[in-house]
Amino acid sequence: MPNINRNFVLGMGLFIFGSYQLRKRWSSTLMDNMEIEVSSYTQRQKLLKDKNTEELAD
């Protein structure tokens, strides 16, 4: 189990480092598009959650 945990931490570190490198290297428009996608996704999730809580309140 600790072995899997260490590999997971290493993988996350590599992923974060890689995304940082990509952000520096690639055009900002691509990253902006990705951030827009993520923000719209999180907003949609938030709307769904709000709708669910409203239905529960009724």
PDB file of N, CA and C in Angstrom:
ATOM      1  N   MET A   1       0.821  -1.214   0.000  1.00  0.00           N
ATOM      2  CA  MET A   1       0.000   0.000   0.000  1.00  0.00           C
ATOM      3  C   MET A   1       0.860   1.271   0.000  1.00  0.00           C
ATOM      4  N   PRO A   2       1.886   1.378   0.853  1.00  0.00           N
ATOM      5  CA  PRO A   2       2.705   2.598   0.806  1.00  0.00           C
ATOM      6  C   PRO A   2       3.367   2.786  -0.548  1.00  0.00           C
ATOM      7  N   ASN A   3       3.672   1.669  -1.237  1.00  0.00           N
ATOM      8  CA  ASN A   3       4.292   1.762  -2.553  1.00  0.00           C
ATOM      9  C   ASN A   3       3.348   2.441  -3.535  1.00  0.00           C
ATOM     10  N   ILE A   4       2.076   2.030  -3.529  1.00  0.00           N
ATOM     11  CA  ILE A   4       1.080   2.644  -4.412  1.00  0.00           C
ATOM     12  C   ILE A   4       0.943   4.122  -4.067  1.00  0.00           C
ATOM     13  N   ASN A   5       0.924   4.427  -2.789  1.00  0.00           N
ATOM     14  CA  ASN A   5       0.764   5.813  -2.353  1.00  0.00           C
ATOM     15  C   ASN A   5       1.922   6.672  -2.860  1.00  0.00           C
ATOM     16  N   ARG A   6       3.150   6.152  -2.744  1.00  0.00           N
ATOM     17  CA  ARG A   6       4.313   6.911  -3.201  1.00  0.00           C
ATOM     18  C   ARG A   6       4.243   7.138  -4.701  1.00  0.00           C
ATOM     19  N   ASN A   7       3.853   6.096  -5.448  1.00  0.00           N
ATOM     20  CA  ASN A   7       3.735   6.240  -6.896  1.00  0.00           C
ATOM     21  C   ASN A   7       2.677   7.275  -7.245  1.00  0.00           C
ATOM     22  N   PHE A   8       1.580   7.271  -6.504  1.00  0.00           N
ATOM     23  CA  PHE A   8       0.514   8.241  -6.756  1.00  0.00           C
ATOM     24  C   PHE A   8       1.026   9.665  -6.538  1.00  0.00           C
ATOM     25  N   VAL A   9       1.761   9.869  -5.436  1.00  0.00           N
ATOM     26  CA  VAL A   9       2.297  11.206  -5.145  1.00  0.00           C
ATOM     27  C   VAL A   9       3.278  11.621  -6.231  1.00  0.00           C
ATOM     28  N   LEU A  10       4.143  10.693  -6.657  1.00  0.00           N
ATOM     29  CA  LEU A  10       5.092  10.998  -7.727  1.00  0.00           C
ATOM     30  C   LEU A  10       4.349  11.355  -9.009  1.00  0.00           C
ATOM     31  N   GLY A  11       3.322  10.589  -9.324  1.00  0.00           N
ATOM     32  CA  GLY A  11       2.544  10.856 -10.537  1.00  0.00           C
ATOM     33  C   GLY A  11       1.888  12.224 -10.488  1.00  0.00           C
ATOM     34  N   MET A  12       1.323  12.565  -9.342  1.00  0.00           N
ATOM     35  CA  MET A  12       0.685  13.874  -9.217  1.00  0.00           C
ATOM     36  C   MET A  12       1.720  14.987  -9.376  1.00  0.00           C
ATOM     37  N   GLY A  13       2.880  14.804  -8.773  1.00  0.00           N
ATOM     38  CA  GLY A  13       3.939  15.803  -8.899  1.00  0.00           C
ATOM     39  C   GLY A  13       4.361  15.984 -10.348  1.00  0.00           C
ATOM     40  N   LEU A  14       4.538  14.860 -11.056  1.00  0.00           N
ATOM     41  CA  LEU A  14       4.908  14.933 -12.468  1.00  0.00           C
ATOM     42  C   LEU A  14       3.812  15.618 -13.272  1.00  0.00           C
ATOM     43  N   PHE A  15       2.556  15.297 -12.980  1.00  0.00           N
ATOM     44  CA  PHE A  15       1.435  15.881 -13.712  1.00  0.00           C
ATOM     45  C   PHE A  15       1.392  17.398 -13.514  1.00  0.00           C
ATOM     46  N   ILE A  16       1.564  17.829 -12.257  1.00  0.00           N
ATOM     47  CA  ILE A  16       1.533  19.267 -11.963  1.00  0.00           C
ATOM     48  C   ILE A  16       2.713  19.956 -12.644  1.00  0.00           C
ATOM     49  N   PHE A  17       3.900  19.340 -12.555  1.00  0.00           N
ATOM     50  CA  PHE A  17       5.085  19.915 -13.180  1.00  0.00           C
ATOM     51  C   PHE A  17       4.905  19.999 -14.689  1.00  0.00           C
ATOM     52  N   GLY A  18       4.366  18.931 -15.283  1.00  0.00           N
ATOM     53  CA  GLY A  18       4.158  18.910 -16.733  1.00  0.00           C
ATOM     54  C   GLY A  18       3.170  19.973 -17.175  1.00  0.00           C
ATOM     55  N   SER A  19       2.082  20.129 -16.432  1.00  0.00           N
ATOM     56  CA  SER A  19       1.087  21.135 -16.814  1.00  0.00           C
ATOM     57  C   SER A  19       1.686  22.538 -16.686  1.00  0.00           C
ATOM     58  N   TYR A  20       2.555  22.726 -15.680  1.00  0.00           N
ATOM     59  CA  TYR A  20       3.214  24.026 -15.525  1.00  0.00           C
ATOM     60  C   TYR A  20       4.120  24.304 -16.718  1.00  0.00           C
ATOM     61  N   GLN A  21       4.889  23.280 -17.140  1.00  0.00           N
ATOM     62  CA  GLN A  21       5.770  23.441 -18.289  1.00  0.00           C
ATOM     63  C   GLN A  21       4.963  23.752 -19.545  1.00  0.00           C
ATOM     64  N   LEU A  22       3.846  23.035 -19.720  1.00  0.00           N
ATOM     65  CA  LEU A  22       3.013  23.274 -20.903  1.00  0.00           C
ATOM     66  C   LEU A  22       2.470  24.697 -20.885  1.00  0.00           C
ATOM     67  N   ARG A  23       2.053  25.163 -19.721  1.00  0.00           N
ATOM     68  CA  ARG A  23       1.496  26.509 -19.619  1.00  0.00           C
ATOM     69  C   ARG A  23       2.533  27.542 -20.035  1.00  0.00           C
ATOM     70  N   LYS A  24       3.810  27.312 -19.645  1.00  0.00           N
ATOM     71  CA  LYS A  24       4.856  28.256 -20.031  1.00  0.00           C
ATOM     72  C   LYS A  24       5.095  28.203 -21.535  1.00  0.00           C
ATOM     73  N   ARG A  25       5.071  26.986 -22.111  1.00  0.00           N
ATOM     74  CA  ARG A  25       5.520  26.819 -23.484  1.00  0.00           C
ATOM     75  C   ARG A  25       4.420  27.123 -24.497  1.00  0.00           C
ATOM     76  N   TRP A  26       3.202  26.646 -24.236  1.00  0.00           N
ATOM     77  CA  TRP A  26       2.171  26.729 -25.259  1.00  0.00           C
ATOM     78  C   TRP A  26       1.559  28.115 -25.328  1.00  0.00           C
ATOM     79  N   SER A  27       0.769  28.337 -26.392  1.00  0.00           N
ATOM     80  CA  SER A  27       0.106  29.631 -26.559  1.00  0.00           C
ATOM     81  C   SER A  27      -0.915  29.823 -25.446  1.00  0.00           C
ATOM     82  N   SER A  28      -1.088  31.068 -25.033  1.00  0.00           N
ATOM     83  CA  SER A  28      -1.989  31.338 -23.914  1.00  0.00           C
ATOM     84  C   SER A  28      -3.436  31.062 -24.312  1.00  0.00           C
ATOM     85  N   THR A  29      -3.750  31.157 -25.613  1.00  0.00           N
ATOM     86  CA  THR A  29      -5.147  30.964 -26.030  1.00  0.00           C
ATOM     87  C   THR A  29      -5.605  29.551 -25.712  1.00  0.00           C
ATOM     88  N   LEU A  30      -4.722  28.568 -25.914  1.00  0.00           N
ATOM     89  CA  LEU A  30      -5.097  27.181 -25.627  1.00  0.00           C
ATOM     90  C   LEU A  30      -5.410  27.025 -24.143  1.00  0.00           C
ATOM     91  N   MET A  31      -4.545  27.573 -23.283  1.00  0.00           N
ATOM     92  CA  MET A  31      -4.772  27.449 -21.848  1.00  0.00           C
ATOM     93  C   MET A  31      -6.042  28.210 -21.455  1.00  0.00           C
ATOM     94  N   ASP A  32      -6.283  29.367 -22.085  1.00  0.00           N
ATOM     95  CA  ASP A  32      -7.509  30.117 -21.794  1.00  0.00           C
ATOM     96  C   ASP A  32      -8.723  29.275 -22.142  1.00  0.00           C
ATOM     97  N   ASN A  33      -8.685  28.620 -23.306  1.00  0.00           N
ATOM     98  CA  ASN A  33      -9.803  27.767 -23.702  1.00  0.00           C
ATOM     99  C   ASN A  33     -10.020  26.665 -22.678  1.00  0.00           C
ATOM    100  N   MET A  34      -8.927  26.046 -22.224  1.00  0.00           N
ATOM    101  CA  MET A  34      -9.059  24.965 -21.250  1.00  0.00           C
ATOM    102  C   MET A  34      -9.645  25.495 -19.944  1.00  0.00           C
ATOM    103  N   GLU A  35      -9.194  26.684 -19.523  1.00  0.00           N
ATOM    104  CA  GLU A  35      -9.712  27.253 -18.277  1.00  0.00           C
ATOM    105  C   GLU A  35     -11.193  27.581 -18.417  1.00  0.00           C
ATOM    106  N   ILE A  36     -11.594  28.068 -19.606  1.00  0.00           N
ATOM    107  CA  ILE A  36     -13.017  28.349 -19.840  1.00  0.00           C
ATOM    108  C   ILE A  36     -13.805  27.051 -19.747  1.00  0.00           C
ATOM    109  N   GLU A  37     -13.274  25.975 -20.370  1.00  0.00           N
ATOM    110  CA  GLU A  37     -13.956  24.681 -20.316  1.00  0.00           C
ATOM    111  C   GLU A  37     -14.132  24.246 -18.861  1.00  0.00           C
ATOM    112  N   VAL A  38     -13.063  24.339 -18.080  1.00  0.00           N
ATOM    113  CA  VAL A  38     -13.108  23.885 -16.685  1.00  0.00           C
ATOM    114  C   VAL A  38     -14.095  24.730 -15.889  1.00  0.00           C
ATOM    115  N   SER A  39     -14.050  26.058 -16.081  1.00  0.00           N
ATOM    116  CA  SER A  39     -14.941  26.925 -15.307  1.00  0.00           C
ATOM    117  C   SER A  39     -16.393  26.669 -15.684  1.00  0.00           C
ATOM    118  N   SER A  40     -16.664  26.458 -16.981  1.00  0.00           N
ATOM    119  CA  SER A  40     -18.047  26.181 -17.381  1.00  0.00           C
ATOM    120  C   SER A  40     -18.490  24.845 -16.806  1.00  0.00           C
ATOM    121  N   TYR A  41     -17.576  23.870 -16.765  1.00  0.00           N
ATOM    122  CA  TYR A  41     -17.917  22.563 -16.197  1.00  0.00           C
ATOM    123  C   TYR A  41     -18.238  22.701 -14.709  1.00  0.00           C
ATOM    124  N   THR A  42     -17.403  23.438 -13.975  1.00  0.00           N
ATOM    125  CA  THR A  42     -17.640  23.584 -12.538  1.00  0.00           C
ATOM    126  C   THR A  42     -18.933  24.359 -12.293  1.00  0.00           C
ATOM    127  N   GLN A  43     -19.206  25.365 -13.143  1.00  0.00           N
ATOM    128  CA  GLN A  43     -20.455  26.110 -12.979  1.00  0.00           C
ATOM    129  C   GLN A  43     -21.650  25.201 -13.223  1.00  0.00           C
ATOM    130  N   ARG A  44     -21.538  24.330 -14.250  1.00  0.00           N
ATOM    131  CA  ARG A  44     -22.633  23.410 -14.550  1.00  0.00           C
ATOM    132  C   ARG A  44     -22.847  22.467 -13.365  1.00  0.00           C
ATOM    133  N   GLN A  45     -21.739  21.958 -12.782  1.00  0.00           N
ATOM    134  CA  GLN A  45     -21.859  21.073 -11.620  1.00  0.00           C
ATOM    135  C   GLN A  45     -22.537  21.814 -10.467  1.00  0.00           C
ATOM    136  N   LYS A  46     -22.157  23.082 -10.281  1.00  0.00           N
ATOM    137  CA  LYS A  46     -22.735  23.882  -9.203  1.00  0.00           C
ATOM    138  C   LYS A  46     -24.229  24.063  -9.435  1.00  0.00           C
ATOM    139  N   LEU A  47     -24.615  24.352 -10.681  1.00  0.00           N
ATOM    140  CA  LEU A  47     -26.034  24.509 -10.998  1.00  0.00           C
ATOM    141  C   LEU A  47     -26.787  23.223 -10.713  1.00  0.00           C
ATOM    142  N   LEU A  48     -26.204  22.091 -11.121  1.00  0.00           N
ATOM    143  CA  LEU A  48     -26.857  20.807 -10.872  1.00  0.00           C
ATOM    144  C   LEU A  48     -27.032  20.586  -9.375  1.00  0.00           C
ATOM    145  N   LYS A  49     -25.979  20.915  -8.602  1.00  0.00           N
ATOM    146  CA  LYS A  49     -26.047  20.710  -7.158  1.00  0.00           C
ATOM    147  C   LYS A  49     -27.137  21.606  -6.561  1.00  0.00           C
ATOM    148  N   ASP A  50     -27.183  22.873  -7.008  1.00  0.00           N
ATOM    149  CA  ASP A  50     -28.207  23.788  -6.502  1.00  0.00           C
ATOM    150  C   ASP A  50     -29.600  23.263  -6.826  1.00  0.00           C
ATOM    151  N   LYS A  51     -29.774  22.771  -8.053  1.00  0.00           N
ATOM    152  CA  LYS A  51     -31.077  22.254  -8.452  1.00  0.00           C
ATOM    153  C   LYS A  51     -31.457  21.066  -7.569  1.00  0.00           C
ATOM    154  N   ASN A  52     -30.491  20.195  -7.307  1.00  0.00           N
ATOM    155  CA  ASN A  52     -30.761  19.027  -6.467  1.00  0.00           C
ATOM    156  C   ASN A  52     -31.152  19.448  -5.052  1.00  0.00           C
ATOM    157  N   THR A  53     -30.459  20.434  -4.501  1.00  0.00           N
ATOM    158  CA  THR A  53     -30.776  20.870  -3.141  1.00  0.00           C
ATOM    159  C   THR A  53     -32.153  21.528  -3.107  1.00  0.00           C
ATOM    160  N   GLU A  54     -32.510  22.264  -4.179  1.00  0.00           N
ATOM    161  CA  GLU A  54     -33.843  22.877  -4.232  1.00  0.00           C
ATOM    162  C   GLU A  54     -34.918  21.800  -4.235  1.00  0.00           C
ATOM    163  N   GLU A  55     -34.689  20.753  -5.032  1.00  0.00           N
ATOM    164  CA  GLU A  55     -35.671  19.671  -5.093  1.00  0.00           C
ATOM    165  C   GLU A  55     -35.811  19.003  -3.728  1.00  0.00           C
ATOM    166  N   LEU A  56     -34.696  18.864  -3.019  1.00  0.00           N
ATOM    167  CA  LEU A  56     -34.758  18.269  -1.685  1.00  0.00           C
ATOM    168  C   LEU A  56     -35.517  19.186  -0.732  1.00  0.00           C
ATOM    169  N   ALA A  57     -35.332  20.494  -0.878  1.00  0.00           N
ATOM    170  CA  ALA A  57     -36.006  21.448   0.009  1.00  0.00           C
ATOM    171  C   ALA A  57     -37.518  21.393  -0.189  1.00  0.00           C
ATOM    172  N   ASP A  58     -37.955  21.198  -1.428  1.00  0.00           N
ATOM    173  CA  ASP A  58     -39.402  21.091  -1.694  1.00  0.00           C
ATOM    174  C   ASP A  58     -39.931  19.816  -1.071  1.00  0.00           C
TER     175      ASP A  58
END
